[in-house]
């Protein structure tokens, strides 16, 4: 009997957790929507191997317009789901792009070249994205200098522009943006992570183009150990999106 009780207690905890998560997501969605009363929201996702095997047809049919897929990290790590995700996502209606996660301790040119060797040039792909974030073990005492980071980013941008004939977008958070990007490469578009439920407000000279507004979205169509998925908004309507990226 104790085992049966433990089983139902466990199921109850799981159900409660899911209900709470869904309530939070609904609340976030309503808060976001209230800030875009007169605008058509262009929503997308960014994914990696954490989402496991993705049913891209099912995912694409959930009010999504674009998707970014993790390709590489550093100079030698390729996301194990990238090839499948890249191929299958492009068979849907979604606008698709790839991103690289930058290791601030590794050579910028080698990281960019590894990405270009991994991600083929495909017609109508979204611009490549440079994921630039300070690692959790970095603080004011051991942060890399602005010069070193900016030089690394400049090198990566140059390599990617040569390969894809598009100016990359930089994904980042406020800490990293304020430390390295606020008044640097002002022609580069910023994809900002801001989980405050308020429209992003960048301190520098950039306008944000994408906004990752939650890292705890729940959609159907993936089976990874990670039950959540990142959700993003484009700063404009469908017409503006197509004009910018076509």
Protein backbone atom coordinates (compact mmCIF):
# COMPACT_ATOMS: atom_id res chain seq x y z
CA UNK A 1 0.00 0.00 0.00
CA UNK A 2 2.83 2.38 0.81
CA UNK A 3 4.24 1.84 -2.68
CA UNK A 4 0.85 2.61 -4.20
CA UNK A 5 0.55 5.73 -2.04
CA UNK A 6 4.08 6.83 -3.04
CA UNK A 7 3.18 6.29 -6.70
CA UNK A 8 0.10 8.50 -6.50
CA UNK A 9 1.95 11.09 -4.42
CA UNK A 10 4.59 11.25 -7.14
CA UNK A 11 1.98 11.56 -9.89
CA UNK A 12 0.24 14.32 -7.94
CA UNK A 13 3.48 16.27 -7.58
CA UNK A 14 4.15 15.96 -11.31
CA UNK A 15 0.63 17.10 -12.20
CA UNK A 16 0.84 20.06 -9.82
CA UNK A 17 4.23 21.05 -11.24
CA UNK A 18 2.89 20.94 -14.80
CA UNK A 19 -0.20 22.97 -13.86
CA UNK A 20 1.94 25.61 -12.16
CA UNK A 21 4.28 25.77 -15.15
CA UNK A 22 1.35 26.17 -17.55
CA UNK A 23 -0.19 28.88 -15.37
CA UNK A 24 3.12 30.77 -15.36
CA UNK A 25 3.40 30.49 -19.15
CA UNK A 26 -0.17 31.71 -19.66
CA UNK A 27 0.52 34.62 -17.32
CA UNK A 28 3.69 35.53 -19.20
CA UNK A 29 1.91 35.30 -22.55
CA UNK A 30 -0.87 37.59 -21.36
CA UNK A 31 1.62 40.11 -19.97
CA UNK A 32 3.57 40.11 -23.23
CA UNK A 33 0.45 40.38 -25.36
CA UNK A 34 -0.74 43.41 -23.38
CA UNK A 35 2.41 45.25 -24.41
CA UNK A 36 1.80 44.53 -28.11
CA UNK A 37 -1.91 45.42 -28.25
CA UNK A 38 -1.82 46.82 -31.76
CA UNK A 39 0.89 44.57 -33.20
CA UNK A 40 0.93 41.10 -34.71
CA UNK A 41 3.33 39.00 -32.68
CA UNK A 42 5.94 37.07 -34.66
CA UNK A 43 6.93 34.21 -32.39
CA UNK A 44 9.69 31.65 -32.69
CA UNK A 45 11.81 29.15 -30.79
CA UNK A 46 15.45 28.31 -30.32
CA UNK A 47 16.39 24.69 -29.74
CA UNK A 48 19.27 22.33 -29.10
CA UNK A 49 19.84 18.68 -28.28
CA UNK A 50 18.20 19.29 -24.90
CA UNK A 51 14.82 19.10 -26.65
CA UNK A 52 15.68 15.62 -27.94
CA UNK A 53 14.00 14.41 -31.11
CA UNK A 54 11.72 17.11 -32.48
CA UNK A 55 8.59 16.58 -34.56
CA UNK A 56 9.09 19.72 -36.59
CA UNK A 57 5.74 19.54 -38.32
CA UNK A 58 3.95 19.45 -34.98
CA UNK A 59 6.16 22.16 -33.51
CA UNK A 60 5.73 24.47 -36.50
CA UNK A 61 1.93 24.27 -36.26
CA UNK A 62 1.88 25.95 -32.83
CA UNK A 63 1.76 29.60 -33.88
CA UNK A 64 5.49 29.76 -34.68
CA UNK A 65 7.12 31.67 -37.51
CA UNK A 66 10.84 31.07 -37.08
CA UNK A 67 13.32 28.74 -35.41
CA UNK A 68 17.00 28.92 -34.53
CA UNK A 69 18.95 25.70 -34.08
CA UNK A 70 22.15 25.21 -32.11
CA UNK A 71 24.97 24.05 -34.35
CA UNK A 72 28.29 24.37 -32.50
CA UNK A 73 29.98 25.33 -29.27
CA UNK A 74 33.62 26.36 -29.15
CA UNK A 75 36.03 24.82 -31.65
CA UNK A 76 35.02 21.16 -31.55
CA UNK A 77 31.53 20.54 -30.13
CA UNK A 78 28.74 19.94 -32.64
CA UNK A 79 25.22 19.67 -31.28
CA UNK A 80 24.26 16.03 -31.75
CA UNK A 81 20.79 16.89 -33.05
CA UNK A 82 21.91 19.65 -35.43
CA UNK A 83 21.96 17.76 -38.74
CA UNK A 84 18.52 16.25 -38.16
CA UNK A 85 17.04 19.50 -36.87
CA UNK A 86 18.54 21.51 -39.74
CA UNK A 87 17.15 19.14 -42.36
CA UNK A 88 13.71 18.58 -40.85
CA UNK A 89 13.00 22.17 -39.80
CA UNK A 90 13.62 23.37 -43.34
CA UNK A 91 10.84 21.10 -44.60
CA UNK A 92 8.28 23.14 -42.65
CA UNK A 93 6.89 26.64 -43.12
CA UNK A 94 9.31 27.99 -40.53
CA UNK A 95 12.07 30.47 -41.31
CA UNK A 96 15.21 28.73 -40.05
CA UNK A 97 18.66 29.79 -38.88
CA UNK A 98 21.58 28.35 -36.91
CA UNK A 99 23.58 29.63 -33.96
CA UNK A 100 27.00 29.09 -32.46
CA UNK A 101 27.79 29.31 -28.75
CA UNK A 102 31.05 31.21 -28.20
CA UNK A 103 33.63 29.93 -25.74
CA UNK A 104 35.40 33.07 -24.52
CA UNK A 105 38.49 30.99 -23.69
CA UNK A 106 38.98 29.70 -27.25
CA UNK A 107 40.20 31.23 -30.51
CA UNK A 108 37.50 33.21 -32.31
CA UNK A 109 38.56 32.39 -35.86
CA UNK A 110 38.71 28.65 -35.17
CA UNK A 111 35.24 28.75 -33.60
CA UNK A 112 33.81 30.60 -36.59
CA UNK A 113 35.47 28.25 -39.07
CA UNK A 114 34.13 25.24 -37.21
CA UNK A 115 30.64 26.72 -37.48
CA UNK A 116 31.02 27.37 -41.22
CA UNK A 117 32.17 23.78 -41.72
CA UNK A 118 29.08 22.56 -39.85
CA UNK A 119 26.36 24.80 -41.28
CA UNK A 120 25.94 24.70 -45.04
CA UNK A 121 24.91 27.73 -47.09
CA UNK A 122 21.19 27.34 -47.75
CA UNK A 123 18.88 29.63 -49.67
CA UNK A 124 16.53 31.69 -47.51
CA UNK A 125 18.28 30.85 -44.24
CA UNK A 126 18.09 33.43 -41.48
CA UNK A 127 21.38 35.16 -40.60
CA UNK A 128 23.74 33.15 -38.41
CA UNK A 129 23.66 33.98 -34.71
CA UNK A 130 26.60 34.43 -32.35
CA UNK A 131 25.60 33.40 -28.83
CA UNK A 132 27.78 35.54 -26.55
CA UNK A 133 27.38 35.10 -22.80
CA UNK A 134 29.63 35.31 -19.79
CA UNK A 135 29.85 31.93 -18.12
CA UNK A 136 28.39 31.49 -14.63
CA UNK A 137 31.87 31.32 -13.06
CA UNK A 138 32.87 34.76 -14.36
CA UNK A 139 32.50 37.94 -12.34
CA UNK A 140 34.24 41.31 -12.12
CA UNK A 141 37.42 39.64 -10.89
CA UNK A 142 37.94 37.27 -13.82
CA UNK A 143 35.97 38.71 -16.73
CA UNK A 144 37.91 38.91 -20.01
CA UNK A 145 38.81 42.40 -21.15
CA UNK A 146 36.56 44.33 -23.49
CA UNK A 147 39.34 44.53 -26.08
CA UNK A 148 39.87 40.76 -26.14
CA UNK A 149 36.16 39.96 -26.43
CA UNK A 150 35.49 42.61 -29.06
CA UNK A 151 38.43 41.47 -31.14
CA UNK A 152 37.16 37.89 -30.94
CA UNK A 153 33.65 38.92 -31.94
CA UNK A 154 34.95 41.04 -34.83
CA UNK A 155 36.86 38.05 -36.16
CA UNK A 156 33.82 35.78 -35.90
CA UNK A 157 31.60 38.34 -37.64
CA UNK A 158 34.10 38.69 -40.48
CA UNK A 159 34.33 34.94 -41.07
CA UNK A 160 30.55 34.46 -40.98
CA UNK A 161 29.86 37.40 -43.30
CA UNK A 162 32.34 36.03 -45.83
CA UNK A 163 30.72 32.61 -45.73
CA UNK A 164 27.01 33.45 -45.65
CA UNK A 165 26.94 36.95 -47.16
CA UNK A 166 24.81 38.10 -44.22
CA UNK A 167 25.65 40.15 -41.14
CA UNK A 168 25.33 37.89 -38.09
CA UNK A 169 23.02 38.65 -35.18
CA UNK A 170 24.38 38.58 -31.63
CA UNK A 171 22.39 36.81 -28.92
CA UNK A 172 23.27 37.98 -25.43
CA UNK A 173 22.03 39.01 -21.98
CA UNK A 174 22.19 42.40 -20.29
CA UNK A 175 25.32 41.66 -18.28
CA UNK A 176 27.31 40.69 -21.34
CA UNK A 177 25.75 43.39 -23.50
CA UNK A 178 26.60 46.17 -21.06
CA UNK A 179 30.12 44.88 -20.54
CA UNK A 180 31.11 44.40 -24.19
CA UNK A 181 28.52 45.40 -26.78
CA UNK A 182 26.63 48.55 -25.79
CA UNK A 183 28.60 50.90 -28.04
CA UNK A 184 30.33 48.32 -30.24
CA UNK A 185 29.38 47.04 -33.71
CA UNK A 186 26.28 49.21 -33.71
CA UNK A 187 25.31 47.93 -37.17
CA UNK A 188 24.89 44.41 -35.76
CA UNK A 189 21.40 43.44 -34.62
CA UNK A 190 20.92 42.23 -31.05
CA UNK A 191 18.86 39.29 -29.82
CA UNK A 192 18.39 39.96 -26.12
CA UNK A 193 17.49 37.57 -23.33
CA UNK A 194 15.15 39.43 -20.97
CA UNK A 195 12.94 37.36 -18.67
CA UNK A 196 11.31 40.32 -16.91
CA UNK A 197 8.09 40.27 -18.99
CA UNK A 198 8.80 43.88 -19.99
CA UNK A 199 9.86 45.04 -23.43
CA UNK A 200 13.67 45.03 -23.64
CA UNK A 201 15.46 48.31 -23.06
CA UNK A 202 19.06 48.32 -24.29
CA UNK A 203 21.42 50.87 -22.79
CA UNK A 204 23.57 51.19 -25.91
CA UNK A 205 23.04 52.21 -29.52
CA UNK A 206 21.41 49.00 -30.73
CA UNK A 207 17.81 48.12 -31.42
CA UNK A 208 16.81 44.60 -30.44
CA UNK A 209 15.58 42.41 -33.27
CA UNK A 210 14.69 39.29 -31.29
CA UNK A 211 13.62 38.97 -27.66
CA UNK A 212 13.95 35.70 -25.77
CA UNK A 213 11.15 36.34 -23.31
CA UNK A 214 11.07 32.97 -21.58
CA UNK A 215 13.27 29.91 -21.19
CA UNK A 216 10.41 27.89 -19.73
CA UNK A 217 7.95 27.61 -22.58
CA UNK A 218 6.04 24.36 -23.06
CA UNK A 219 5.00 23.19 -26.52
CA UNK A 220 4.18 19.85 -28.10
CA UNK A 221 6.50 17.96 -30.40
CA UNK A 222 9.75 17.16 -28.61
CA UNK A 223 10.81 14.37 -26.28
CA UNK A 224 14.08 15.44 -24.63
CA UNK A 225 14.86 15.37 -20.93
CA UNK A 226 14.32 19.14 -20.97
CA UNK A 227 10.55 19.72 -20.83
CA UNK A 228 10.90 23.44 -21.49
CA UNK A 229 11.71 25.31 -24.69
CA UNK A 230 12.95 28.87 -25.31
CA UNK A 231 10.39 31.23 -26.83
CA UNK A 232 11.24 34.40 -28.74
CA UNK A 233 9.57 37.39 -30.36
CA UNK A 234 10.57 39.42 -33.39
CA UNK A 235 10.51 43.20 -33.00
CA UNK A 236 7.94 43.86 -35.70
CA UNK A 237 5.19 42.30 -37.77
CA UNK A 238 5.36 39.70 -40.54
CA UNK A 239 5.87 42.30 -43.24
CA UNK A 240 8.83 43.79 -41.37
CA UNK A 241 10.28 40.33 -40.76
CA UNK A 242 10.18 39.38 -44.41
CA UNK A 243 11.57 42.73 -45.50
CA UNK A 244 14.48 42.46 -43.07
CA UNK A 245 15.42 38.87 -43.84
CA UNK A 246 14.61 38.53 -47.52
